[in-house]
Amino acid sequence: MGNNNDQDWIVQKLGGELDRLDDQFADIGMPSLQELEHLAVVTAVRRCKKARNELLLFWLISLLLLACMVGVLYSAPGIYLLIQILIPLLGLGGLAAGRIRRSKEGAEE
């Protein structure tokens, strides 16, 4: 019988808290359909501009890197070849180190 009273008390307490929450947010109205459509359009335009700016930045950085690499190739082919060999080796080394670390962390668990 005590368990039933506890459950009733919890239900009443939750109901009171939900009513209090409803009272606090009762004055907030739903936006109109036009406001929601305007918000969707503004968000889509903002997302398009951001994507365009990111793509432009990507192309500028890639062209700068490409120009640097071509400049190094013509001025010092040995350094260019060294860079072309070192970068993949460093990348593979980083991947291997990450896998070893993850396997050690998995073994510790």
PDB file of N, CA and C in Angstrom:
ATOM      1  N   MET A   1       0.814  -1.192   0.000  1.00  0.00           N
ATOM      2  CA  MET A   1       0.000   0.000   0.000  1.00  0.00           C
ATOM      3  C   MET A   1       0.864   1.266   0.000  1.00  0.00           C
ATOM      4  N   GLY A   2       2.020   1.194   0.721  1.00  0.00           N
ATOM      5  CA  GLY A   2       2.927   2.330   0.785  1.00  0.00           C
ATOM      6  C   GLY A   2       3.520   2.650  -0.571  1.00  0.00           C
ATOM      7  N   ASN A   3       3.749   1.622  -1.374  1.00  0.00           N
ATOM      8  CA  ASN A   3       4.316   1.803  -2.708  1.00  0.00           C
ATOM      9  C   ASN A   3       3.342   2.569  -3.594  1.00  0.00           C
ATOM     10  N   ASN A   4       2.049   2.269  -3.460  1.00  0.00           N
ATOM     11  CA  ASN A   4       1.006   2.951  -4.228  1.00  0.00           C
ATOM     12  C   ASN A   4       0.949   4.426  -3.852  1.00  0.00           C
ATOM     13  N   ASN A   5       1.059   4.724  -2.548  1.00  0.00           N
ATOM     14  CA  ASN A   5       1.034   6.116  -2.095  1.00  0.00           C
ATOM     15  C   ASN A   5       2.250   6.874  -2.615  1.00  0.00           C
ATOM     16  N   ASP A   6       3.406   6.215  -2.619  1.00  0.00           N
ATOM     17  CA  ASP A   6       4.612   6.848  -3.145  1.00  0.00           C
ATOM     18  C   ASP A   6       4.460   7.169  -4.627  1.00  0.00           C
ATOM     19  N   GLN A   7       3.887   6.243  -5.376  1.00  0.00           N
ATOM     20  CA  GLN A   7       3.687   6.469  -6.808  1.00  0.00           C
ATOM     21  C   GLN A   7       2.696   7.602  -7.040  1.00  0.00           C
ATOM     22  N   ASP A   8       1.615   7.641  -6.255  1.00  0.00           N
ATOM     23  CA  ASP A   8       0.642   8.727  -6.395  1.00  0.00           C
ATOM     24  C   ASP A   8       1.285  10.073  -6.078  1.00  0.00           C
ATOM     25  N   TRP A   9       2.116  10.084  -5.025  1.00  0.00           N
ATOM     26  CA  TRP A   9       2.781  11.325  -4.640  1.00  0.00           C
ATOM     27  C   TRP A   9       3.727  11.787  -5.752  1.00  0.00           C
ATOM     28  N   ILE A  10       4.459  10.846  -6.357  1.00  0.00           N
ATOM     29  CA  ILE A  10       5.382  11.185  -7.451  1.00  0.00           C
ATOM     30  C   ILE A  10       4.612  11.710  -8.655  1.00  0.00           C
ATOM     31  N   VAL A  11       3.492  11.068  -8.981  1.00  0.00           N
ATOM     32  CA  VAL A  11       2.677  11.510 -10.119  1.00  0.00           C
ATOM     33  C   VAL A  11       2.136  12.907  -9.863  1.00  0.00           C
ATOM     34  N   GLN A  12       1.667  13.174  -8.650  1.00  0.00           N
ATOM     35  CA  GLN A  12       1.144  14.503  -8.326  1.00  0.00           C
ATOM     36  C   GLN A  12       2.257  15.553  -8.380  1.00  0.00           C
ATOM     37  N   LYS A  13       3.416  15.202  -7.857  1.00  0.00           N
ATOM     38  CA  LYS A  13       4.548  16.127  -7.861  1.00  0.00           C
ATOM     39  C   LYS A  13       4.971  16.448  -9.298  1.00  0.00           C
ATOM     40  N   LEU A  14       5.074  15.408 -10.142  1.00  0.00           N
ATOM     41  CA  LEU A  14       5.435  15.630 -11.547  1.00  0.00           C
ATOM     42  C   LEU A  14       4.376  16.455 -12.266  1.00  0.00           C
ATOM     43  N   GLY A  15       3.109  16.162 -11.995  1.00  0.00           N
ATOM     44  CA  GLY A  15       2.028  16.929 -12.615  1.00  0.00           C
ATOM     45  C   GLY A  15       2.096  18.394 -12.229  1.00  0.00           C
ATOM     46  N   GLY A  16       2.369  18.668 -10.960  1.00  0.00           N
ATOM     47  CA  GLY A  16       2.498  20.051 -10.509  1.00  0.00           C
ATOM     48  C   GLY A  16       3.666  20.760 -11.169  1.00  0.00           C
ATOM     49  N   GLU A  17       4.786  20.063 -11.286  1.00  0.00           N
ATOM     50  CA  GLU A  17       5.955  20.661 -11.935  1.00  0.00           C
ATOM     51  C   GLU A  17       5.703  20.911 -13.421  1.00  0.00           C
ATOM     52  N   LEU A  18       5.008  19.982 -14.078  1.00  0.00           N
ATOM     53  CA  LEU A  18       4.681  20.178 -15.498  1.00  0.00           C
ATOM     54  C   LEU A  18       3.730  21.354 -15.674  1.00  0.00           C
ATOM     55  N   ASP A  19       2.762  21.501 -14.780  1.00  0.00           N
ATOM     56  CA  ASP A  19       1.856  22.651 -14.846  1.00  0.00           C
ATOM     57  C   ASP A  19       2.628  23.957 -14.660  1.00  0.00           C
ATOM     58  N   ARG A  20       3.569  23.956 -13.719  1.00  0.00           N
ATOM     59  CA  ARG A  20       4.385  25.147 -13.486  1.00  0.00           C
ATOM     60  C   ARG A  20       5.222  25.482 -14.724  1.00  0.00           C
ATOM     61  N   LEU A  21       5.762  24.456 -15.373  1.00  0.00           N
ATOM     62  CA  LEU A  21       6.536  24.654 -16.596  1.00  0.00           C
ATOM     63  C   LEU A  21       5.653  25.195 -17.716  1.00  0.00           C
ATOM     64  N   ASP A  22       4.448  24.658 -17.849  1.00  0.00           N
ATOM     65  CA  ASP A  22       3.508  25.158 -18.858  1.00  0.00           C
ATOM     66  C   ASP A  22       3.168  26.621 -18.611  1.00  0.00           C
ATOM     67  N   ASP A  23       2.996  27.005 -17.342  1.00  0.00           N
ATOM     68  CA  ASP A  23       2.671  28.396 -17.021  1.00  0.00           C
ATOM     69  C   ASP A  23       3.816  29.335 -17.399  1.00  0.00           C
ATOM     70  N   GLN A  24       5.041  28.888 -17.224  1.00  0.00           N
ATOM     71  CA  GLN A  24       6.186  29.739 -17.545  1.00  0.00           C
ATOM     72  C   GLN A  24       6.318  29.978 -19.044  1.00  0.00           C
ATOM     73  N   PHE A  25       5.970  28.990 -19.843  1.00  0.00           N
ATOM     74  CA  PHE A  25       6.141  29.114 -21.291  1.00  0.00           C
ATOM     75  C   PHE A  25       4.824  29.300 -22.031  1.00  0.00           C
ATOM     76  N   ALA A  26       3.761  29.647 -21.327  1.00  0.00           N
ATOM     77  CA  ALA A  26       2.454  29.802 -21.964  1.00  0.00           C
ATOM     78  C   ALA A  26       2.401  31.038 -22.848  1.00  0.00           C
ATOM     79  N   ASP A  27       3.169  32.085 -22.498  1.00  0.00           N
ATOM     80  CA  ASP A  27       3.099  33.326 -23.262  1.00  0.00           C
ATOM     81  C   ASP A  27       3.922  33.299 -24.545  1.00  0.00           C
ATOM     82  N   ILE A  28       4.673  32.253 -24.770  1.00  0.00           N
ATOM     83  CA  ILE A  28       5.466  32.148 -25.994  1.00  0.00           C
ATOM     84  C   ILE A  28       4.573  31.624 -27.109  1.00  0.00           C
ATOM     85  N   GLY A  29       4.413  32.441 -28.147  1.00  0.00           N
ATOM     86  CA  GLY A  29       3.542  32.065 -29.247  1.00  0.00           C
ATOM     87  C   GLY A  29       4.298  31.354 -30.355  1.00  0.00           C
ATOM     88  N   MET A  30       3.566  30.662 -31.167  1.00  0.00           N
ATOM     89  CA  MET A  30       4.161  29.989 -32.314  1.00  0.00           C
ATOM     90  C   MET A  30       4.410  31.014 -33.413  1.00  0.00           C
ATOM     91  N   PRO A  31       5.540  30.940 -34.100  1.00  0.00           N
ATOM     92  CA  PRO A  31       5.778  31.867 -35.210  1.00  0.00           C
ATOM     93  C   PRO A  31       4.838  31.551 -36.373  1.00  0.00           C
ATOM     94  N   SER A  32       4.574  32.577 -37.152  1.00  0.00           N
ATOM     95  CA  SER A  32       3.683  32.377 -38.292  1.00  0.00           C
ATOM     96  C   SER A  32       4.415  31.607 -39.393  1.00  0.00           C
ATOM     97  N   LEU A  33       3.642  31.127 -40.351  1.00  0.00           N
ATOM     98  CA  LEU A  33       4.211  30.373 -41.461  1.00  0.00           C
ATOM     99  C   LEU A  33       5.157  31.249 -42.282  1.00  0.00           C
ATOM    100  N   GLN A  34       4.793  32.527 -42.457  1.00  0.00           N
ATOM    101  CA  GLN A  34       5.651  33.435 -43.216  1.00  0.00           C
ATOM    102  C   GLN A  34       6.993  33.642 -42.508  1.00  0.00           C
ATOM    103  N   GLU A  35       6.956  33.755 -41.178  1.00  0.00           N
ATOM    104  CA  GLU A  35       8.209  33.921 -40.436  1.00  0.00           C
ATOM    105  C   GLU A  35       9.095  32.691 -40.578  1.00  0.00           C
ATOM    106  N   LEU A  36       8.492  31.508 -40.509  1.00  0.00           N
ATOM    107  CA  LEU A  36       9.263  30.277 -40.657  1.00  0.00           C
ATOM    108  C   LEU A  36       9.849  30.151 -42.061  1.00  0.00           C
ATOM    109  N   GLU A  37       9.053  30.502 -43.078  1.00  0.00           N
ATOM    110  CA  GLU A  37       9.554  30.457 -44.451  1.00  0.00           C
ATOM    111  C   GLU A  37      10.703  31.449 -44.639  1.00  0.00           C
ATOM    112  N   HIS A  38      10.550  32.646 -44.076  1.00  0.00           N
ATOM    113  CA  HIS A  38      11.614  33.650 -44.170  1.00  0.00           C
ATOM    114  C   HIS A  38      12.880  33.152 -43.481  1.00  0.00           C
ATOM    115  N   LEU A  39      12.736  32.545 -42.327  1.00  0.00           N
ATOM    116  CA  LEU A  39      13.882  32.000 -41.608  1.00  0.00           C
ATOM    117  C   LEU A  39      14.561  30.899 -42.420  1.00  0.00           C
ATOM    118  N   ALA A  40      13.760  30.052 -43.075  1.00  0.00           N
ATOM    119  CA  ALA A  40      14.327  28.981 -43.901  1.00  0.00           C
ATOM    120  C   ALA A  40      15.098  29.561 -45.087  1.00  0.00           C
ATOM    121  N   VAL A  41      14.548  30.592 -45.710  1.00  0.00           N
ATOM    122  CA  VAL A  41      15.218  31.218 -46.857  1.00  0.00           C
ATOM    123  C   VAL A  41      16.520  31.885 -46.412  1.00  0.00           C
ATOM    124  N   VAL A  42      16.470  32.623 -45.312  1.00  0.00           N
ATOM    125  CA  VAL A  42      17.667  33.303 -44.811  1.00  0.00           C
ATOM    126  C   VAL A  42      18.745  32.286 -44.453  1.00  0.00           C
ATOM    127  N   THR A  43      18.346  31.194 -43.820  1.00  0.00           N
ATOM    128  CA  THR A  43      19.304  30.154 -43.447  1.00  0.00           C
ATOM    129  C   THR A  43      19.914  29.505 -44.685  1.00  0.00           C
ATOM    130  N   ALA A  44      19.098  29.236 -45.694  1.00  0.00           N
ATOM    131  CA  ALA A  44      19.609  28.621 -46.924  1.00  0.00           C
ATOM    132  C   ALA A  44      20.586  29.557 -47.637  1.00  0.00           C
ATOM    133  N   VAL A  45      20.265  30.843 -47.692  1.00  0.00           N
ATOM    134  CA  VAL A  45      21.155  31.812 -48.342  1.00  0.00           C
ATOM    135  C   VAL A  45      22.468  31.911 -47.575  1.00  0.00           C
ATOM    136  N   ARG A  46      22.378  31.956 -46.249  1.00  0.00           N
ATOM    137  CA  ARG A  46      23.587  32.036 -45.425  1.00  0.00           C
ATOM    138  C   ARG A  46      24.454  30.799 -45.619  1.00  0.00           C
ATOM    139  N   ARG A  47      23.814  29.624 -45.682  1.00  0.00           N
ATOM    140  CA  ARG A  47      24.564  28.383 -45.877  1.00  0.00           C
ATOM    141  C   ARG A  47      25.238  28.374 -47.247  1.00  0.00           C
ATOM    142  N   CYS A  48      24.544  28.868 -48.276  1.00  0.00           N
ATOM    143  CA  CYS A  48      25.128  28.931 -49.628  1.00  0.00           C
ATOM    144  C   CYS A  48      26.335  29.866 -49.659  1.00  0.00           C
ATOM    145  N   LYS A  49      26.199  31.034 -49.037  1.00  0.00           N
ATOM    146  CA  LYS A  49      27.317  31.981 -49.010  1.00  0.00           C
ATOM    147  C   LYS A  49      28.506  31.392 -48.269  1.00  0.00           C
ATOM    148  N   LYS A  50      28.231  30.730 -47.152  1.00  0.00           N
ATOM    149  CA  LYS A  50      29.316  30.131 -46.378  1.00  0.00           C
ATOM    150  C   LYS A  50      30.005  29.031 -47.179  1.00  0.00           C
ATOM    151  N   ALA A  51      29.223  28.192 -47.868  1.00  0.00           N
ATOM    152  CA  ALA A  51      29.803  27.120 -48.681  1.00  0.00           C
ATOM    153  C   ALA A  51      30.635  27.706 -49.820  1.00  0.00           C
ATOM    154  N   ARG A  52      30.147  28.775 -50.445  1.00  0.00           N
ATOM    155  CA  ARG A  52      30.878  29.410 -51.536  1.00  0.00           C
ATOM    156  C   ARG A  52      32.192  30.008 -51.029  1.00  0.00           C
ATOM    157  N   ASN A  53      32.141  30.663 -49.869  1.00  0.00           N
ATOM    158  CA  ASN A  53      33.368  31.238 -49.304  1.00  0.00           C
ATOM    159  C   ASN A  53      34.369  30.155 -48.929  1.00  0.00           C
ATOM    160  N   GLU A  54      33.889  29.058 -48.360  1.00  0.00           N
ATOM    161  CA  GLU A  54      34.791  27.960 -48.011  1.00  0.00           C
ATOM    162  C   GLU A  54      35.413  27.341 -49.259  1.00  0.00           C
ATOM    163  N   LEU A  55      34.631  27.194 -50.319  1.00  0.00           N
ATOM    164  CA  LEU A  55      35.158  26.644 -51.566  1.00  0.00           C
ATOM    165  C   LEU A  55      36.192  27.587 -52.177  1.00  0.00           C
ATOM    166  N   LEU A  56      35.914  28.880 -52.144  1.00  0.00           N
ATOM    167  CA  LEU A  56      36.866  29.862 -52.662  1.00  0.00           C
ATOM    168  C   LEU A  56      38.166  29.827 -51.861  1.00  0.00           C
ATOM    169  N   LEU A  57      38.052  29.750 -50.549  1.00  0.00           N
ATOM    170  CA  LEU A  57      39.241  29.662 -49.703  1.00  0.00           C
ATOM    171  C   LEU A  57      40.027  28.387 -49.992  1.00  0.00           C
ATOM    172  N   PHE A  58      39.325  27.277 -50.186  1.00  0.00           N
ATOM    173  CA  PHE A  58      39.981  26.013 -50.529  1.00  0.00           C
ATOM    174  C   PHE A  58      40.763  26.148 -51.828  1.00  0.00           C
ATOM    175  N   TRP A  59      40.144  26.727 -52.857  1.00  0.00           N
ATOM    176  CA  TRP A  59      40.815  26.866 -54.146  1.00  0.00           C
ATOM    177  C   TRP A  59      42.017  27.807 -54.053  1.00  0.00           C
ATOM    178  N   LEU A  60      41.883  28.885 -53.304  1.00  0.00           N
ATOM    179  CA  LEU A  60      43.009  29.812 -53.172  1.00  0.00           C
ATOM    180  C   LEU A  60      44.192  29.152 -52.467  1.00  0.00           C
ATOM    181  N   ILE A  61      43.916  28.432 -51.392  1.00  0.00           N
ATOM    182  CA  ILE A  61      44.995  27.760 -50.666  1.00  0.00           C
ATOM    183  C   ILE A  61      45.619  26.665 -51.526  1.00  0.00           C
ATOM    184  N   SER A  62      44.782  25.915 -52.236  1.00  0.00           N
ATOM    185  CA  SER A  62      45.335  24.844 -53.074  1.00  0.00           C
ATOM    186  C   SER A  62      46.171  25.414 -54.223  1.00  0.00           C
ATOM    187  N   LEU A  63      45.735  26.509 -54.816  1.00  0.00           N
ATOM    188  CA  LEU A  63      46.537  27.136 -55.874  1.00  0.00           C
ATOM    189  C   LEU A  63      47.848  27.682 -55.325  1.00  0.00           C
ATOM    190  N   LEU A  64      47.811  28.236 -54.124  1.00  0.00           N
ATOM    191  CA  LEU A  64      49.037  28.725 -53.499  1.00  0.00           C
ATOM    192  C   LEU A  64      50.010  27.578 -53.244  1.00  0.00           C
ATOM    193  N   LEU A  65      49.509  26.472 -52.707  1.00  0.00           N
ATOM    194  CA  LEU A  65      50.366  25.309 -52.473  1.00  0.00           C
ATOM    195  C   LEU A  65      50.909  24.744 -53.779  1.00  0.00           C
ATOM    196  N   LEU A  66      50.060  24.680 -54.785  1.00  0.00           N
ATOM    197  CA  LEU A  66      50.499  24.177 -56.083  1.00  0.00           C
ATOM    198  C   LEU A  66      51.576  25.081 -56.684  1.00  0.00           C
ATOM    199  N   ALA A  67      51.394  26.388 -56.577  1.00  0.00           N
ATOM    200  CA  ALA A  67      52.401  27.321 -57.091  1.00  0.00           C
ATOM    201  C   ALA A  67      53.719  27.162 -56.338  1.00  0.00           C
ATOM    202  N   CYS A  68      53.640  26.984 -55.034  1.00  0.00           N
ATOM    203  CA  CYS A  68      54.873  26.771 -54.252  1.00  0.00           C
ATOM    204  C   CYS A  68      55.568  25.485 -54.684  1.00  0.00           C
ATOM    205  N   MET A  69      54.803  24.434 -54.884  1.00  0.00           N
ATOM    206  CA  MET A  69      55.394  23.153 -55.286  1.00  0.00           C
ATOM    207  C   MET A  69      56.025  23.246 -56.676  1.00  0.00           C
ATOM    208  N   VAL A  70      55.371  23.915 -57.596  1.00  0.00           N
ATOM    209  CA  VAL A  70      55.934  24.068 -58.941  1.00  0.00           C
ATOM    210  C   VAL A  70      57.196  24.928 -58.878  1.00  0.00           C
ATOM    211  N   GLY A  71      57.173  25.966 -58.048  1.00  0.00           N
ATOM    212  CA  GLY A  71      58.367  26.796 -57.881  1.00  0.00           C
ATOM    213  C   GLY A  71      59.528  26.006 -57.321  1.00  0.00           C
ATOM    214  N   VAL A  72      59.259  25.175 -56.330  1.00  0.00           N
ATOM    215  CA  VAL A  72      60.316  24.337 -55.759  1.00  0.00           C
ATOM    216  C   VAL A  72      60.789  23.321 -56.789  1.00  0.00           C
ATOM    217  N   LEU A  73      59.870  22.777 -57.577  1.00  0.00           N
ATOM    218  CA  LEU A  73      60.241  21.788 -58.595  1.00  0.00           C
ATOM    219  C   LEU A  73      61.228  22.379 -59.594  1.00  0.00           C
ATOM    220  N   TYR A  74      60.973  23.611 -60.051  1.00  0.00           N
ATOM    221  CA  TYR A  74      61.854  24.209 -61.051  1.00  0.00           C
ATOM    222  C   TYR A  74      63.149  24.732 -60.449  1.00  0.00           C
ATOM    223  N   SER A  75      63.105  25.180 -59.209  1.00  0.00           N
ATOM    224  CA  SER A  75      64.324  25.753 -58.630  1.00  0.00           C
ATOM    225  C   SER A  75      65.213  24.698 -57.979  1.00  0.00           C
ATOM    226  N   ALA A  76      64.594  23.679 -57.361  1.00  0.00           N
ATOM    227  CA  ALA A  76      65.390  22.650 -56.676  1.00  0.00           C
ATOM    228  C   ALA A  76      64.653  21.320 -56.768  1.00  0.00           C
ATOM    229  N   PRO A  77      64.882  20.569 -57.848  1.00  0.00           N
ATOM    230  CA  PRO A  77      64.162  19.305 -58.012  1.00  0.00           C
ATOM    231  C   PRO A  77      64.456  18.297 -56.905  1.00  0.00           C
ATOM    232  N   GLY A  78      65.651  18.340 -56.337  1.00  0.00           N
ATOM    233  CA  GLY A  78      65.986  17.415 -55.253  1.00  0.00           C
ATOM    234  C   GLY A  78      65.117  17.657 -54.023  1.00  0.00           C
ATOM    235  N   ILE A  79      64.928  18.927 -53.685  1.00  0.00           N
ATOM    236  CA  ILE A  79      64.076  19.265 -52.528  1.00  0.00           C
ATOM    237  C   ILE A  79      62.631  18.868 -52.813  1.00  0.00           C
ATOM    238  N   TYR A  80      62.192  19.085 -54.051  1.00  0.00           N
ATOM    239  CA  TYR A  80      60.830  18.704 -54.423  1.00  0.00           C
ATOM    240  C   TYR A  80      60.626  17.203 -54.239  1.00  0.00           C
ATOM    241  N   LEU A  81      61.562  16.412 -54.724  1.00  0.00           N
ATOM    242  CA  LEU A  81      61.434  14.960 -54.574  1.00  0.00           C
ATOM    243  C   LEU A  81      61.485  14.550 -53.109  1.00  0.00           C
ATOM    244  N   LEU A  82      62.327  15.213 -52.329  1.00  0.00           N
ATOM    245  CA  LEU A  82      62.397  14.923 -50.899  1.00  0.00           C
ATOM    246  C   LEU A  82      61.056  15.217 -50.222  1.00  0.00           C
ATOM    247  N   ILE A  83      60.450  16.341 -50.566  1.00  0.00           N
ATOM    248  CA  ILE A  83      59.139  16.685 -50.003  1.00  0.00           C
ATOM    249  C   ILE A  83      58.099  15.652 -50.423  1.00  0.00           C
ATOM    250  N   GLN A  84      58.137  15.246 -51.695  1.00  0.00           N
ATOM    251  CA  GLN A  84      57.169  14.272 -52.189  1.00  0.00           C
ATOM    252  C   GLN A  84      57.334  12.911 -51.517  1.00  0.00           C
ATOM    253  N   ILE A  85      58.511  12.587 -51.074  1.00  0.00           N
ATOM    254  CA  ILE A  85      58.739  11.309 -50.385  1.00  0.00           C
ATOM    255  C   ILE A  85      58.406  11.435 -48.902  1.00  0.00           C
ATOM    256  N   LEU A  86      58.798  12.552 -48.281  1.00  0.00           N
ATOM    257  CA  LEU A  86      58.614  12.710 -46.836  1.00  0.00           C
ATOM    258  C   LEU A  86      57.147  12.845 -46.421  1.00  0.00           C
ATOM    259  N   ILE A  87      56.364  13.592 -47.170  1.00  0.00           N
ATOM    260  CA  ILE A  87      54.972  13.834 -46.762  1.00  0.00           C
ATOM    261  C   ILE A  87      54.175  12.534 -46.684  1.00  0.00           C
ATOM    262  N   PRO A  88      54.183  11.655 -47.682  1.00  0.00           N
ATOM    263  CA  PRO A  88      53.446  10.393 -47.525  1.00  0.00           C
ATOM    264  C   PRO A  88      53.994   9.522 -46.396  1.00  0.00           C
ATOM    265  N   LEU A  89      55.329   9.520 -46.228  1.00  0.00           N
ATOM    266  CA  LEU A  89      55.904   8.722 -45.141  1.00  0.00           C
ATOM    267  C   LEU A  89      55.457   9.244 -43.780  1.00  0.00           C
ATOM    268  N   LEU A  90      55.431  10.555 -43.620  1.00  0.00           N
ATOM    269  CA  LEU A  90      54.964  11.130 -42.359  1.00  0.00           C
ATOM    270  C   LEU A  90      53.478  10.836 -42.135  1.00  0.00           C
ATOM    271  N   GLY A  91      52.695  10.898 -43.192  1.00  0.00           N
ATOM    272  CA  GLY A  91      51.275  10.575 -43.070  1.00  0.00           C
ATOM    273  C   GLY A  91      51.053   9.129 -42.669  1.00  0.00           C
ATOM    274  N   LEU A  92      51.768   8.226 -43.313  1.00  0.00           N
ATOM    275  CA  LEU A  92      51.643   6.806 -42.959  1.00  0.00           C
ATOM    276  C   LEU A  92      52.141   6.543 -41.544  1.00  0.00           C
ATOM    277  N   GLY A  93      53.210   7.231 -41.149  1.00  0.00           N
ATOM    278  CA  GLY A  93      53.708   7.090 -39.782  1.00  0.00           C
ATOM    279  C   GLY A  93      52.688   7.571 -38.763  1.00  0.00           C
ATOM    280  N   GLY A  94      52.023   8.665 -39.062  1.00  0.00           N
ATOM    281  CA  GLY A  94      50.976   9.164 -38.166  1.00  0.00           C
ATOM    282  C   GLY A  94      49.815   8.198 -38.054  1.00  0.00           C
ATOM    283  N   LEU A  95      49.417   7.615 -39.185  1.00  0.00           N
ATOM    284  CA  LEU A  95      48.340   6.619 -39.150  1.00  0.00           C
ATOM    285  C   LEU A  95      48.741   5.402 -38.337  1.00  0.00           C
ATOM    286  N   ALA A  96      49.963   4.940 -38.531  1.00  0.00           N
ATOM    287  CA  ALA A  96      50.437   3.776 -37.775  1.00  0.00           C
ATOM    288  C   ALA A  96      50.491   4.083 -36.287  1.00  0.00           C
ATOM    289  N   ALA A  97      50.967   5.266 -35.922  1.00  0.00           N
ATOM    290  CA  ALA A  97      51.030   5.642 -34.503  1.00  0.00           C
ATOM    291  C   ALA A  97      49.628   5.711 -33.904  1.00  0.00           C
ATOM    292  N   GLY A  98      48.675   6.228 -34.660  1.00  0.00           N
ATOM    293  CA  GLY A  98      47.296   6.284 -34.174  1.00  0.00           C
ATOM    294  C   GLY A  98      46.709   4.906 -33.961  1.00  0.00           C
ATOM    295  N   ARG A  99      46.966   4.007 -34.882  1.00  0.00           N
ATOM    296  CA  ARG A  99      46.453   2.634 -34.729  1.00  0.00           C
ATOM    297  C   ARG A  99      47.089   1.932 -33.539  1.00  0.00           C
ATOM    298  N   ILE A 100      48.395   2.126 -33.358  1.00  0.00           N
ATOM    299  CA  ILE A 100      49.079   1.498 -32.219  1.00  0.00           C
ATOM    300  C   ILE A 100      48.520   2.046 -30.914  1.00  0.00           C
ATOM    301  N   ARG A 101      48.320   3.352 -30.849  1.00  0.00           N
ATOM    302  CA  ARG A 101      47.777   3.955 -29.632  1.00  0.00           C
ATOM    303  C   ARG A 101      46.365   3.451 -29.350  1.00  0.00           C
ATOM    304  N   ARG A 102      45.527   3.363 -30.406  1.00  0.00           N
ATOM    305  CA  ARG A 102      44.162   2.856 -30.215  1.00  0.00           C
ATOM    306  C   ARG A 102      44.164   1.407 -29.773  1.00  0.00           C
ATOM    307  N   SER A 103      45.071   0.604 -30.320  1.00  0.00           N
ATOM    308  CA  SER A 103      45.114  -0.807 -29.919  1.00  0.00           C
ATOM    309  C   SER A 103      45.579  -0.936 -28.471  1.00  0.00           C
ATOM    310  N   LYS A 104      46.510  -0.078 -28.038  1.00  0.00           N
ATOM    311  CA  LYS A 104      46.946  -0.100 -26.638  1.00  0.00           C
ATOM    312  C   LYS A 104      45.822   0.349 -25.714  1.00  0.00           C
ATOM    313  N   GLU A 105      45.064   1.366 -26.120  1.00  0.00           N
ATOM    314  CA  GLU A 105      43.941   1.824 -25.305  1.00  0.00           C
ATOM    315  C   GLU A 105      42.868   0.750 -25.221  1.00  0.00           C
ATOM    316  N   GLY A 106      42.643   0.030 -26.326  1.00  0.00           N
ATOM    317  CA  GLY A 106      41.666  -1.062 -26.327  1.00  0.00           C
ATOM    318  C   GLY A 106      42.113  -2.209 -25.449  1.00  0.00           C
ATOM    319  N   ALA A 107      43.417  -2.464 -25.399  1.00  0.00           N
ATOM    320  CA  ALA A 107      43.942  -3.553 -24.571  1.00  0.00           C
ATOM    321  C   ALA A 107      43.844  -3.205 -23.092  1.00  0.00           C
ATOM    322  N   GLU A 108      43.955  -1.919 -22.751  1.00  0.00           N
ATOM    323  CA  GLU A 108      43.866  -1.504 -21.357  1.00  0.00           C
ATOM    324  C   GLU A 108      42.453  -1.634 -20.819  1.00  0.00           C
ATOM    325  N   GLU A 109      41.464  -1.500 -21.670  1.00  0.00           N
ATOM    326  CA  GLU A 109      40.075  -1.599 -21.223  1.00  0.00           C
ATOM    327  C   GLU A 109      39.752  -3.026 -21.018  1.00  0.00           C
TER     328      GLU A 109
END
